[in-house]
Amino acid sequence: MAKLLKIQTSLFRKDGQSSQLTDQFAEQWLAANPGGEIATRDLAAEPVPHLTLERFQSFASDAAERTAEQQAVVDYSDALIDEIRSADVLVFGIPMYNFSIPSSLHAYFDHIARAGVTFRYTENGPEGLLNGKKAYVVITRGGVYGDDHPQTNFIRQFLGFVGIDDVAFVYAEGLATGDESRRKALETAQEQLAQLA
């Protein structure tokens, strides 16, 4: 049975444009994959703690010597990673905040990128371990910035770092530049997502 993991990051939660677009994609994906399963992680509703020295040291600690508090941190991270491992397809809903990704998503990524777990260092450089997955990234922006932007590049680089390199980006841009441009941008994104689903 195919499984889709939907990761939403809008502060507006279900009312956010990126959330609505990923919801649409998930519904259409399910229609195309009868019997499929959808899991949702809403990082605005359930924020992942930001990385601290204590949390980082928990990840680096020897399993046999961890305190109960450190083990709880590792277990939490493991659960986030297992969500991704169990999914065949991922769809991210990501608005642009201050030219970058929401800080909630960065915190999530900080708990996903773990040496020896989701990537490893080799003689030829780092190797991602979360292989065999397809990811769709829906990005909503008030202005128009295009594909060659640091926000896009960071997401592509991070996903590739952990082994997810089959990634398709869909943009809804110019959402703050007028009603007509907003309508056209959303319609175009909806059409693209319908085709991808």
N, C-alpha and C. Protein backbone atom coordinates (compact mmCIF):
# COMPACT_ATOMS: atom_id res chain seq x y z
N MET A 1 0.84 -1.20 0.00
CA MET A 1 0.00 0.00 0.00
C MET A 1 0.88 1.24 0.00
N ALA A 2 0.64 2.14 -0.95
CA ALA A 2 1.43 3.37 -1.06
C ALA A 2 1.09 4.32 0.08
N LYS A 3 2.09 5.06 0.52
CA LYS A 3 1.88 6.01 1.61
C LYS A 3 2.43 7.37 1.25
N LEU A 4 1.64 8.40 1.51
CA LEU A 4 2.03 9.78 1.27
C LEU A 4 2.18 10.48 2.62
N LEU A 5 3.30 11.16 2.81
CA LEU A 5 3.50 12.00 3.99
C LEU A 5 3.38 13.46 3.57
N LYS A 6 2.43 14.14 4.18
CA LYS A 6 2.17 15.56 3.88
C LYS A 6 2.74 16.40 5.02
N ILE A 7 3.66 17.29 4.68
CA ILE A 7 4.33 18.12 5.68
C ILE A 7 3.96 19.58 5.41
N GLN A 8 3.23 20.17 6.34
CA GLN A 8 2.74 21.53 6.16
C GLN A 8 3.41 22.46 7.18
N THR A 9 3.69 23.68 6.74
CA THR A 9 4.49 24.58 7.57
C THR A 9 3.90 25.97 7.73
N SER A 10 2.77 26.25 7.11
CA SER A 10 2.20 27.59 7.15
C SER A 10 1.74 27.96 8.55
N LEU A 11 2.05 29.17 8.97
CA LEU A 11 1.56 29.68 10.25
C LEU A 11 0.04 29.73 10.28
N PHE A 12 -0.57 29.85 9.11
CA PHE A 12 -2.03 29.93 8.99
C PHE A 12 -2.67 28.54 8.99
N ARG A 13 -1.83 27.52 9.06
CA ARG A 13 -2.29 26.13 9.09
C ARG A 13 -3.20 25.82 7.90
N LYS A 14 -4.42 25.34 8.13
CA LYS A 14 -5.29 24.94 7.01
C LYS A 14 -5.67 26.10 6.10
N ASP A 15 -5.62 27.32 6.63
CA ASP A 15 -5.99 28.49 5.83
C ASP A 15 -4.85 29.00 4.95
N GLY A 16 -3.65 28.49 5.16
CA GLY A 16 -2.52 28.93 4.36
C GLY A 16 -2.62 28.41 2.93
N GLN A 17 -2.15 29.20 1.98
CA GLN A 17 -2.22 28.79 0.58
C GLN A 17 -1.40 27.52 0.33
N SER A 18 -0.22 27.42 0.95
CA SER A 18 0.60 26.23 0.74
C SER A 18 -0.10 25.00 1.32
N SER A 19 -0.80 25.17 2.44
CA SER A 19 -1.53 24.04 3.03
C SER A 19 -2.69 23.61 2.15
N GLN A 20 -3.40 24.58 1.60
CA GLN A 20 -4.54 24.25 0.74
C GLN A 20 -4.07 23.54 -0.53
N LEU A 21 -2.94 23.96 -1.06
CA LEU A 21 -2.42 23.31 -2.26
C LEU A 21 -1.95 21.88 -1.97
N THR A 22 -1.30 21.68 -0.84
CA THR A 22 -0.87 20.32 -0.51
C THR A 22 -2.06 19.43 -0.17
N ASP A 23 -3.09 20.01 0.44
CA ASP A 23 -4.31 19.23 0.69
C ASP A 23 -4.93 18.76 -0.62
N GLN A 24 -4.97 19.68 -1.60
CA GLN A 24 -5.52 19.34 -2.92
C GLN A 24 -4.70 18.21 -3.54
N PHE A 25 -3.38 18.34 -3.47
CA PHE A 25 -2.51 17.31 -4.05
C PHE A 25 -2.78 15.97 -3.38
N ALA A 26 -2.88 15.96 -2.05
CA ALA A 26 -3.09 14.71 -1.32
C ALA A 26 -4.40 14.05 -1.72
N GLU A 27 -5.45 14.84 -1.88
CA GLU A 27 -6.74 14.28 -2.28
C GLU A 27 -6.66 13.66 -3.67
N GLN A 28 -5.98 14.36 -4.59
CA GLN A 28 -5.87 13.84 -5.94
C GLN A 28 -4.94 12.63 -6.01
N TRP A 29 -3.91 12.64 -5.19
CA TRP A 29 -3.01 11.49 -5.12
C TRP A 29 -3.76 10.27 -4.61
N LEU A 30 -4.60 10.46 -3.59
CA LEU A 30 -5.36 9.35 -3.04
C LEU A 30 -6.34 8.79 -4.06
N ALA A 31 -6.94 9.69 -4.86
CA ALA A 31 -7.86 9.23 -5.91
C ALA A 31 -7.12 8.39 -6.95
N ALA A 32 -5.85 8.73 -7.20
CA ALA A 32 -5.05 8.00 -8.18
C ALA A 32 -4.40 6.76 -7.58
N ASN A 33 -4.43 6.65 -6.24
CA ASN A 33 -3.83 5.51 -5.54
C ASN A 33 -4.84 4.93 -4.56
N PRO A 34 -5.90 4.29 -5.07
CA PRO A 34 -6.92 3.73 -4.18
C PRO A 34 -6.31 2.81 -3.14
N GLY A 35 -6.72 2.97 -1.91
CA GLY A 35 -6.15 2.16 -0.83
C GLY A 35 -4.89 2.75 -0.25
N GLY A 36 -4.43 3.85 -0.82
CA GLY A 36 -3.24 4.51 -0.30
C GLY A 36 -3.51 5.13 1.07
N GLU A 37 -2.44 5.49 1.72
CA GLU A 37 -2.53 6.06 3.07
C GLU A 37 -1.88 7.44 3.09
N ILE A 38 -2.50 8.37 3.81
CA ILE A 38 -1.95 9.72 3.94
C ILE A 38 -1.67 10.00 5.41
N ALA A 39 -0.47 10.43 5.71
CA ALA A 39 -0.10 10.90 7.05
C ALA A 39 0.22 12.38 6.95
N THR A 40 -0.13 13.13 7.98
CA THR A 40 0.09 14.58 7.97
C THR A 40 0.94 15.00 9.16
N ARG A 41 1.93 15.84 8.89
CA ARG A 41 2.68 16.49 9.97
C ARG A 41 2.55 17.99 9.77
N ASP A 42 1.85 18.63 10.70
CA ASP A 42 1.63 20.07 10.66
C ASP A 42 2.60 20.71 11.65
N LEU A 43 3.63 21.35 11.13
CA LEU A 43 4.68 21.90 11.98
C LEU A 43 4.27 23.20 12.67
N ALA A 44 3.14 23.78 12.25
CA ALA A 44 2.62 24.94 12.98
C ALA A 44 1.79 24.48 14.17
N ALA A 45 1.05 23.39 13.98
CA ALA A 45 0.23 22.85 15.07
C ALA A 45 1.08 22.13 16.10
N GLU A 46 2.11 21.44 15.63
CA GLU A 46 2.99 20.69 16.53
C GLU A 46 4.45 21.03 16.19
N PRO A 47 4.93 22.17 16.68
CA PRO A 47 6.30 22.60 16.33
C PRO A 47 7.35 21.63 16.87
N VAL A 48 8.36 21.43 16.07
CA VAL A 48 9.53 20.67 16.50
C VAL A 48 10.45 21.62 17.27
N PRO A 49 10.97 21.22 18.42
CA PRO A 49 11.84 22.13 19.18
C PRO A 49 13.06 22.54 18.36
N HIS A 50 13.48 23.76 18.54
CA HIS A 50 14.71 24.20 17.87
C HIS A 50 15.91 23.49 18.48
N LEU A 51 16.93 23.31 17.67
CA LEU A 51 18.11 22.58 18.09
C LEU A 51 18.85 23.37 19.17
N THR A 52 19.18 22.69 20.26
CA THR A 52 19.97 23.26 21.33
C THR A 52 21.21 22.39 21.51
N LEU A 53 22.16 22.87 22.31
CA LEU A 53 23.35 22.09 22.57
C LEU A 53 22.99 20.75 23.20
N GLU A 54 22.03 20.78 24.13
CA GLU A 54 21.62 19.56 24.81
C GLU A 54 21.02 18.54 23.83
N ARG A 55 20.19 19.01 22.91
CA ARG A 55 19.59 18.11 21.93
C ARG A 55 20.66 17.57 20.98
N PHE A 56 21.56 18.43 20.55
CA PHE A 56 22.62 17.99 19.65
C PHE A 56 23.50 16.94 20.33
N GLN A 57 23.82 17.17 21.60
CA GLN A 57 24.65 16.21 22.33
C GLN A 57 23.91 14.88 22.52
N SER A 58 22.60 14.94 22.61
CA SER A 58 21.82 13.70 22.72
C SER A 58 22.01 12.84 21.47
N PHE A 59 21.98 13.49 20.30
CA PHE A 59 22.16 12.76 19.04
C PHE A 59 23.56 12.15 18.96
N ALA A 60 24.55 12.86 19.49
CA ALA A 60 25.94 12.41 19.39
C ALA A 60 26.33 11.44 20.50
N SER A 61 25.47 11.23 21.46
CA SER A 61 25.82 10.41 22.61
C SER A 61 25.84 8.93 22.28
N ASP A 62 26.60 8.18 23.04
CA ASP A 62 26.64 6.73 22.92
C ASP A 62 25.34 6.17 23.48
N ALA A 63 24.71 5.27 22.72
CA ALA A 63 23.40 4.75 23.12
C ALA A 63 23.44 4.11 24.50
N ALA A 64 24.53 3.46 24.84
CA ALA A 64 24.62 2.76 26.13
C ALA A 64 24.81 3.72 27.30
N GLU A 65 25.17 4.97 27.00
CA GLU A 65 25.46 5.91 28.08
C GLU A 65 24.47 7.07 28.15
N ARG A 66 23.42 7.03 27.36
CA ARG A 66 22.46 8.13 27.34
C ARG A 66 21.66 8.19 28.64
N THR A 67 21.36 9.42 29.05
CA THR A 67 20.43 9.61 30.15
C THR A 67 19.02 9.39 29.61
N ALA A 68 18.05 9.31 30.50
CA ALA A 68 16.66 9.15 30.07
C ALA A 68 16.22 10.35 29.24
N GLU A 69 16.69 11.55 29.62
CA GLU A 69 16.33 12.76 28.88
C GLU A 69 16.91 12.73 27.47
N GLN A 70 18.16 12.29 27.36
CA GLN A 70 18.79 12.19 26.04
C GLN A 70 18.08 11.15 25.18
N GLN A 71 17.72 10.04 25.77
CA GLN A 71 17.04 8.99 25.01
C GLN A 71 15.69 9.48 24.50
N ALA A 72 15.01 10.30 25.30
CA ALA A 72 13.71 10.84 24.87
C ALA A 72 13.89 11.74 23.65
N VAL A 73 14.97 12.51 23.62
CA VAL A 73 15.26 13.37 22.47
C VAL A 73 15.53 12.53 21.23
N VAL A 74 16.32 11.48 21.38
CA VAL A 74 16.63 10.60 20.26
C VAL A 74 15.38 9.88 19.78
N ASP A 75 14.56 9.41 20.72
CA ASP A 75 13.32 8.71 20.33
C ASP A 75 12.40 9.63 19.53
N TYR A 76 12.34 10.89 19.93
CA TYR A 76 11.51 11.86 19.21
C TYR A 76 12.01 12.04 17.78
N SER A 77 13.32 12.20 17.64
CA SER A 77 13.91 12.34 16.31
C SER A 77 13.70 11.07 15.49
N ASP A 78 13.88 9.92 16.11
CA ASP A 78 13.67 8.65 15.42
C ASP A 78 12.25 8.54 14.87
N ALA A 79 11.28 9.00 15.65
CA ALA A 79 9.88 8.92 15.21
C ALA A 79 9.65 9.80 13.99
N LEU A 80 10.26 10.98 13.95
CA LEU A 80 10.14 11.85 12.78
C LEU A 80 10.76 11.19 11.55
N ILE A 81 11.92 10.57 11.75
CA ILE A 81 12.62 9.92 10.65
C ILE A 81 11.83 8.70 10.17
N ASP A 82 11.27 7.94 11.10
CA ASP A 82 10.49 6.76 10.72
C ASP A 82 9.27 7.14 9.88
N GLU A 83 8.70 8.32 10.15
CA GLU A 83 7.58 8.80 9.32
C GLU A 83 8.00 8.92 7.87
N ILE A 84 9.20 9.46 7.66
CA ILE A 84 9.70 9.62 6.30
C ILE A 84 10.05 8.26 5.70
N ARG A 85 10.71 7.43 6.48
CA ARG A 85 11.11 6.11 5.99
C ARG A 85 9.91 5.30 5.51
N SER A 86 8.81 5.42 6.22
CA SER A 86 7.64 4.60 5.89
C SER A 86 6.84 5.16 4.72
N ALA A 87 7.18 6.37 4.26
CA ALA A 87 6.44 7.00 3.16
C ALA A 87 7.11 6.72 1.82
N ASP A 88 6.28 6.55 0.80
CA ASP A 88 6.78 6.41 -0.56
C ASP A 88 6.90 7.77 -1.24
N VAL A 89 5.98 8.66 -0.89
CA VAL A 89 5.89 9.99 -1.50
C VAL A 89 5.78 11.02 -0.38
N LEU A 90 6.46 12.16 -0.57
CA LEU A 90 6.35 13.27 0.37
C LEU A 90 5.87 14.50 -0.38
N VAL A 91 5.03 15.29 0.27
CA VAL A 91 4.67 16.58 -0.29
C VAL A 91 4.83 17.62 0.81
N PHE A 92 5.59 18.66 0.49
CA PHE A 92 5.86 19.75 1.43
C PHE A 92 5.09 20.99 1.01
N GLY A 93 4.42 21.63 1.94
CA GLY A 93 3.81 22.93 1.71
C GLY A 93 4.65 23.97 2.43
N ILE A 94 5.32 24.84 1.65
CA ILE A 94 6.31 25.75 2.25
C ILE A 94 6.09 27.19 1.77
N PRO A 95 5.62 28.07 2.63
CA PRO A 95 5.58 29.48 2.27
C PRO A 95 6.97 30.10 2.40
N MET A 96 7.18 31.21 1.74
CA MET A 96 8.42 31.96 1.94
C MET A 96 8.21 32.95 3.08
N TYR A 97 9.04 32.84 4.09
CA TYR A 97 9.05 33.81 5.20
C TYR A 97 10.43 34.47 5.23
N ASN A 98 10.45 35.78 5.04
CA ASN A 98 11.70 36.52 5.09
C ASN A 98 12.78 35.89 4.19
N PHE A 99 12.37 35.58 2.97
CA PHE A 99 13.24 35.07 1.91
C PHE A 99 13.73 33.64 2.14
N SER A 100 13.17 32.94 3.11
CA SER A 100 13.66 31.59 3.40
C SER A 100 12.50 30.69 3.80
N ILE A 101 12.84 29.53 4.35
CA ILE A 101 11.83 28.59 4.81
C ILE A 101 11.37 28.98 6.20
N PRO A 102 10.19 28.55 6.64
CA PRO A 102 9.77 28.80 8.01
C PRO A 102 10.76 28.18 8.99
N SER A 103 10.97 28.84 10.12
CA SER A 103 11.92 28.31 11.10
C SER A 103 11.47 26.96 11.63
N SER A 104 10.16 26.70 11.62
CA SER A 104 9.66 25.40 12.07
C SER A 104 10.16 24.27 11.19
N LEU A 105 10.29 24.55 9.88
CA LEU A 105 10.79 23.54 8.96
C LEU A 105 12.29 23.33 9.17
N HIS A 106 12.99 24.40 9.45
CA HIS A 106 14.43 24.27 9.70
C HIS A 106 14.66 23.41 10.95
N ALA A 107 13.86 23.63 11.99
CA ALA A 107 13.98 22.82 13.20
C ALA A 107 13.69 21.35 12.90
N TYR A 108 12.69 21.12 12.06
CA TYR A 108 12.35 19.76 11.64
C TYR A 108 13.53 19.13 10.91
N PHE A 109 14.11 19.86 9.97
CA PHE A 109 15.27 19.35 9.23
C PHE A 109 16.43 19.03 10.18
N ASP A 110 16.61 19.87 11.21
CA ASP A 110 17.69 19.65 12.16
C ASP A 110 17.53 18.32 12.90
N HIS A 111 16.30 17.85 13.03
CA HIS A 111 16.05 16.58 13.71
C HIS A 111 16.04 15.40 12.74
N ILE A 112 16.04 15.70 11.45
CA ILE A 112 16.05 14.65 10.43
C ILE A 112 17.47 14.32 10.00
N ALA A 113 18.33 15.33 9.92
CA ALA A 113 19.70 15.12 9.45
C ALA A 113 20.57 14.58 10.59
N ARG A 114 20.77 13.27 10.60
CA ARG A 114 21.57 12.64 11.66
C ARG A 114 22.58 11.68 11.05
N ALA A 115 23.83 11.95 11.35
CA ALA A 115 24.92 11.13 10.82
C ALA A 115 24.75 9.69 11.26
N GLY A 116 24.88 8.77 10.30
CA GLY A 116 24.75 7.36 10.58
C GLY A 116 23.31 6.87 10.58
N VAL A 117 22.37 7.81 10.48
CA VAL A 117 20.95 7.44 10.50
C VAL A 117 20.29 7.80 9.17
N THR A 118 20.40 9.07 8.77
CA THR A 118 19.81 9.49 7.49
C THR A 118 20.87 9.88 6.46
N PHE A 119 22.12 9.95 6.89
CA PHE A 119 23.24 10.14 5.96
C PHE A 119 24.49 9.58 6.62
N ARG A 120 25.50 9.33 5.80
CA ARG A 120 26.77 8.88 6.34
C ARG A 120 27.89 9.50 5.52
N TYR A 121 29.03 9.64 6.15
CA TYR A 121 30.20 10.17 5.46
C TYR A 121 31.01 9.01 4.89
N THR A 122 31.40 9.15 3.63
CA THR A 122 32.21 8.13 2.96
C THR A 122 33.46 8.78 2.38
N GLU A 123 34.32 7.96 1.80
CA GLU A 123 35.52 8.49 1.16
C GLU A 123 35.18 9.43 0.01
N ASN A 124 33.99 9.25 -0.56
CA ASN A 124 33.55 10.09 -1.68
C ASN A 124 32.63 11.22 -1.26
N GLY A 125 32.56 11.46 0.05
CA GLY A 125 31.69 12.52 0.54
C GLY A 125 30.44 11.96 1.20
N PRO A 126 29.52 12.82 1.61
CA PRO A 126 28.32 12.34 2.30
C PRO A 126 27.40 11.56 1.37
N GLU A 127 26.71 10.57 1.94
CA GLU A 127 25.77 9.74 1.20
C GLU A 127 24.45 9.71 1.94
N GLY A 128 23.36 10.10 1.27
CA GLY A 128 22.04 10.08 1.88
C GLY A 128 21.51 8.66 2.01
N LEU A 129 20.73 8.41 3.06
CA LEU A 129 20.24 7.07 3.33
C LEU A 129 18.71 6.94 3.22
N LEU A 130 18.03 8.05 2.95
CA LEU A 130 16.56 7.99 2.79
C LEU A 130 16.24 7.90 1.30
N ASN A 131 16.60 6.79 0.71
CA ASN A 131 16.51 6.66 -0.75
C ASN A 131 15.16 6.12 -1.20
N GLY A 132 14.93 6.21 -2.52
CA GLY A 132 13.76 5.60 -3.12
C GLY A 132 12.46 6.31 -2.90
N LYS A 133 12.51 7.61 -2.66
CA LYS A 133 11.29 8.38 -2.41
C LYS A 133 11.13 9.49 -3.44
N LYS A 134 9.90 9.84 -3.69
CA LYS A 134 9.58 10.96 -4.56
C LYS A 134 9.07 12.10 -3.69
N ALA A 135 9.56 13.31 -3.91
CA ALA A 135 9.11 14.46 -3.12
C ALA A 135 8.56 15.54 -4.04
N TYR A 136 7.47 16.14 -3.61
CA TYR A 136 6.89 17.30 -4.28
C TYR A 136 6.95 18.46 -3.29
N VAL A 137 7.45 19.59 -3.75
CA VAL A 137 7.61 20.75 -2.88
C VAL A 137 6.77 21.89 -3.44
N VAL A 138 5.78 22.31 -2.67
CA VAL A 138 4.89 23.40 -3.07
C VAL A 138 5.34 24.65 -2.32
N ILE A 139 5.77 25.65 -3.08
CA ILE A 139 6.27 26.88 -2.47
C ILE A 139 5.35 28.05 -2.84
N THR A 140 4.91 28.78 -1.83
CA THR A 140 4.07 29.97 -2.05
C THR A 140 4.86 31.21 -1.64
N ARG A 141 4.76 32.24 -2.50
CA ARG A 141 5.54 33.46 -2.26
C ARG A 141 4.72 34.69 -2.60
N GLY A 142 4.91 35.73 -1.82
CA GLY A 142 4.22 36.98 -2.10
C GLY A 142 4.74 37.66 -3.35
N GLY A 143 6.05 37.58 -3.58
CA GLY A 143 6.67 38.15 -4.77
C GLY A 143 7.00 37.06 -5.77
N VAL A 144 7.76 37.44 -6.78
CA VAL A 144 8.15 36.50 -7.84
C VAL A 144 9.67 36.37 -7.82
N TYR A 145 10.14 35.16 -7.55
CA TYR A 145 11.58 34.92 -7.40
C TYR A 145 12.10 33.80 -8.29
N GLY A 146 11.24 32.91 -8.74
CA GLY A 146 11.66 31.86 -9.64
C GLY A 146 12.34 30.68 -8.95
N ASP A 147 12.82 29.77 -9.79
CA ASP A 147 13.39 28.52 -9.29
C ASP A 147 14.80 28.70 -8.74
N ASP A 148 15.56 29.62 -9.30
CA ASP A 148 16.95 29.82 -8.88
C ASP A 148 16.98 30.82 -7.73
N HIS A 149 16.59 30.36 -6.55
CA HIS A 149 16.51 31.21 -5.38
C HIS A 149 17.09 30.45 -4.20
N PRO A 150 17.73 31.12 -3.24
CA PRO A 150 18.32 30.42 -2.09
C PRO A 150 17.34 29.53 -1.34
N GLN A 151 16.07 29.92 -1.27
CA GLN A 151 15.10 29.08 -0.58
C GLN A 151 14.96 27.73 -1.28
N THR A 152 14.77 27.76 -2.59
CA THR A 152 14.66 26.54 -3.38
C THR A 152 15.95 25.73 -3.31
N ASN A 153 17.07 26.42 -3.46
CA ASN A 153 18.36 25.72 -3.48
C ASN A 153 18.62 25.01 -2.15
N PHE A 154 18.24 25.64 -1.04
CA PHE A 154 18.45 25.02 0.26
C PHE A 154 17.61 23.75 0.40
N ILE A 155 16.34 23.84 0.01
CA ILE A 155 15.46 22.67 0.12
C ILE A 155 15.99 21.53 -0.74
N ARG A 156 16.37 21.85 -1.97
CA ARG A 156 16.89 20.82 -2.88
C ARG A 156 18.17 20.20 -2.30
N GLN A 157 19.04 21.05 -1.77
CA GLN A 157 20.30 20.56 -1.22
C GLN A 157 20.06 19.69 0.01
N PHE A 158 19.17 20.12 0.89
CA PHE A 158 18.92 19.33 2.10
C PHE A 158 18.33 17.97 1.77
N LEU A 159 17.29 17.96 0.93
CA LEU A 159 16.65 16.70 0.59
C LEU A 159 17.64 15.76 -0.09
N GLY A 160 18.46 16.29 -0.98
CA GLY A 160 19.47 15.47 -1.63
C GLY A 160 20.49 14.94 -0.64
N PHE A 161 20.81 15.72 0.36
CA PHE A 161 21.80 15.33 1.37
C PHE A 161 21.37 14.08 2.12
N VAL A 162 20.05 13.96 2.37
CA VAL A 162 19.56 12.78 3.09
C VAL A 162 19.08 11.69 2.13
N GLY A 163 19.32 11.88 0.83
CA GLY A 163 19.05 10.81 -0.12
C GLY A 163 17.78 10.96 -0.94
N ILE A 164 17.08 12.08 -0.79
CA ILE A 164 15.84 12.30 -1.55
C ILE A 164 16.17 13.26 -2.70
N ASP A 165 16.48 12.70 -3.85
CA ASP A 165 16.90 13.55 -4.97
C ASP A 165 15.91 13.56 -6.13
N ASP A 166 14.81 12.84 -6.00
CA ASP A 166 13.74 12.89 -7.00
C ASP A 166 12.71 13.89 -6.51
N VAL A 167 12.93 15.17 -6.84
CA VAL A 167 12.14 16.26 -6.26
C VAL A 167 11.56 17.13 -7.37
N ALA A 168 10.26 17.41 -7.27
CA ALA A 168 9.59 18.32 -8.20
C ALA A 168 9.09 19.53 -7.42
N PHE A 169 9.35 20.71 -7.95
CA PHE A 169 8.92 21.96 -7.32
C PHE A 169 7.74 22.56 -8.07
N VAL A 170 6.77 23.05 -7.31
CA VAL A 170 5.63 23.76 -7.87
C VAL A 170 5.54 25.09 -7.13
N TYR A 171 5.42 26.18 -7.88
CA TYR A 171 5.41 27.50 -7.28
C TYR A 171 4.07 28.21 -7.50
N ALA A 172 3.64 28.92 -6.46
CA ALA A 172 2.56 29.89 -6.59
C ALA A 172 3.16 31.21 -6.12
N GLU A 173 3.53 32.05 -7.09
CA GLU A 173 4.25 33.29 -6.77
C GLU A 173 3.42 34.52 -7.12
N GLY A 174 3.84 35.64 -6.57
CA GLY A 174 3.15 36.90 -6.82
C GLY A 174 1.81 36.99 -6.10
N LEU A 175 1.67 36.26 -4.99
CA LEU A 175 0.38 36.22 -4.29
C LEU A 175 0.04 37.54 -3.61
N ALA A 176 1.04 38.39 -3.42
CA ALA A 176 0.79 39.68 -2.76
C ALA A 176 0.83 40.85 -3.74
N THR A 177 0.86 40.56 -5.04
CA THR A 177 1.03 41.63 -6.03
C THR A 177 -0.28 42.03 -6.72
N GLY A 178 -1.39 41.52 -6.24
CA GLY A 178 -2.68 41.88 -6.83
C GLY A 178 -3.58 40.68 -6.96
N ASP A 179 -4.88 40.94 -6.99
CA ASP A 179 -5.86 39.84 -7.03
C ASP A 179 -5.74 38.98 -8.28
N GLU A 180 -5.52 39.62 -9.42
CA GLU A 180 -5.46 38.88 -10.67
C GLU A 180 -4.22 37.98 -10.72
N SER A 181 -3.07 38.52 -10.33
CA SER A 181 -1.85 37.71 -10.34
C SER A 181 -1.96 36.58 -9.33
N ARG A 182 -2.60 36.85 -8.21
CA ARG A 182 -2.79 35.82 -7.20
C ARG A 182 -3.67 34.69 -7.75
N ARG A 183 -4.76 35.07 -8.40
CA ARG A 183 -5.67 34.07 -8.94
C ARG A 183 -4.96 33.21 -9.98
N LYS A 184 -4.24 33.85 -10.88
CA LYS A 184 -3.55 33.11 -11.94
C LYS A 184 -2.47 32.19 -11.37
N ALA A 185 -1.74 32.67 -10.37
CA ALA A 185 -0.67 31.87 -9.78
C ALA A 185 -1.23 30.63 -9.10
N LEU A 186 -2.34 30.79 -8.39
CA LEU A 186 -2.94 29.65 -7.70
C LEU A 186 -3.53 28.65 -8.70
N GLU A 187 -4.16 29.17 -9.74
CA GLU A 187 -4.73 28.28 -10.76
C GLU A 187 -3.64 27.47 -11.46
N THR A 188 -2.53 28.14 -11.78
CA THR A 188 -1.43 27.45 -12.44
C THR A 188 -0.85 26.37 -11.54
N ALA A 189 -0.67 26.69 -10.27
CA ALA A 189 -0.14 25.70 -9.32
C ALA A 189 -1.10 24.53 -9.16
N GLN A 190 -2.39 24.82 -9.10
CA GLN A 190 -3.40 23.76 -8.97
C GLN A 190 -3.36 22.83 -10.17
N GLU A 191 -3.23 23.40 -11.36
CA GLU A 191 -3.17 22.58 -12.58
C GLU A 191 -1.93 21.71 -12.59
N GLN A 192 -0.80 22.28 -12.20
CA GLN A 192 0.45 21.50 -12.17
C GLN A 192 0.36 20.35 -11.17
N LEU A 193 -0.20 20.63 -10.00
CA LEU A 193 -0.32 19.60 -8.97
C LEU A 193 -1.27 18.49 -9.41
N ALA A 194 -2.34 18.87 -10.10
CA ALA A 194 -3.30 17.87 -10.58
C ALA A 194 -2.61 16.92 -11.56
N GLN A 195 -1.74 17.46 -12.41
CA GLN A 195 -1.02 16.62 -13.36
C GLN A 195 -0.03 15.72 -12.66
N LEU A 196 0.65 16.25 -11.65
CA LEU A 196 1.65 15.47 -10.92
C LEU A 196 1.02 14.37 -10.08
N ALA A 197 -0.17 14.64 -9.54
CA ALA A 197 -0.84 13.66 -8.68
C ALA A 197 -1.31 12.46 -9.49
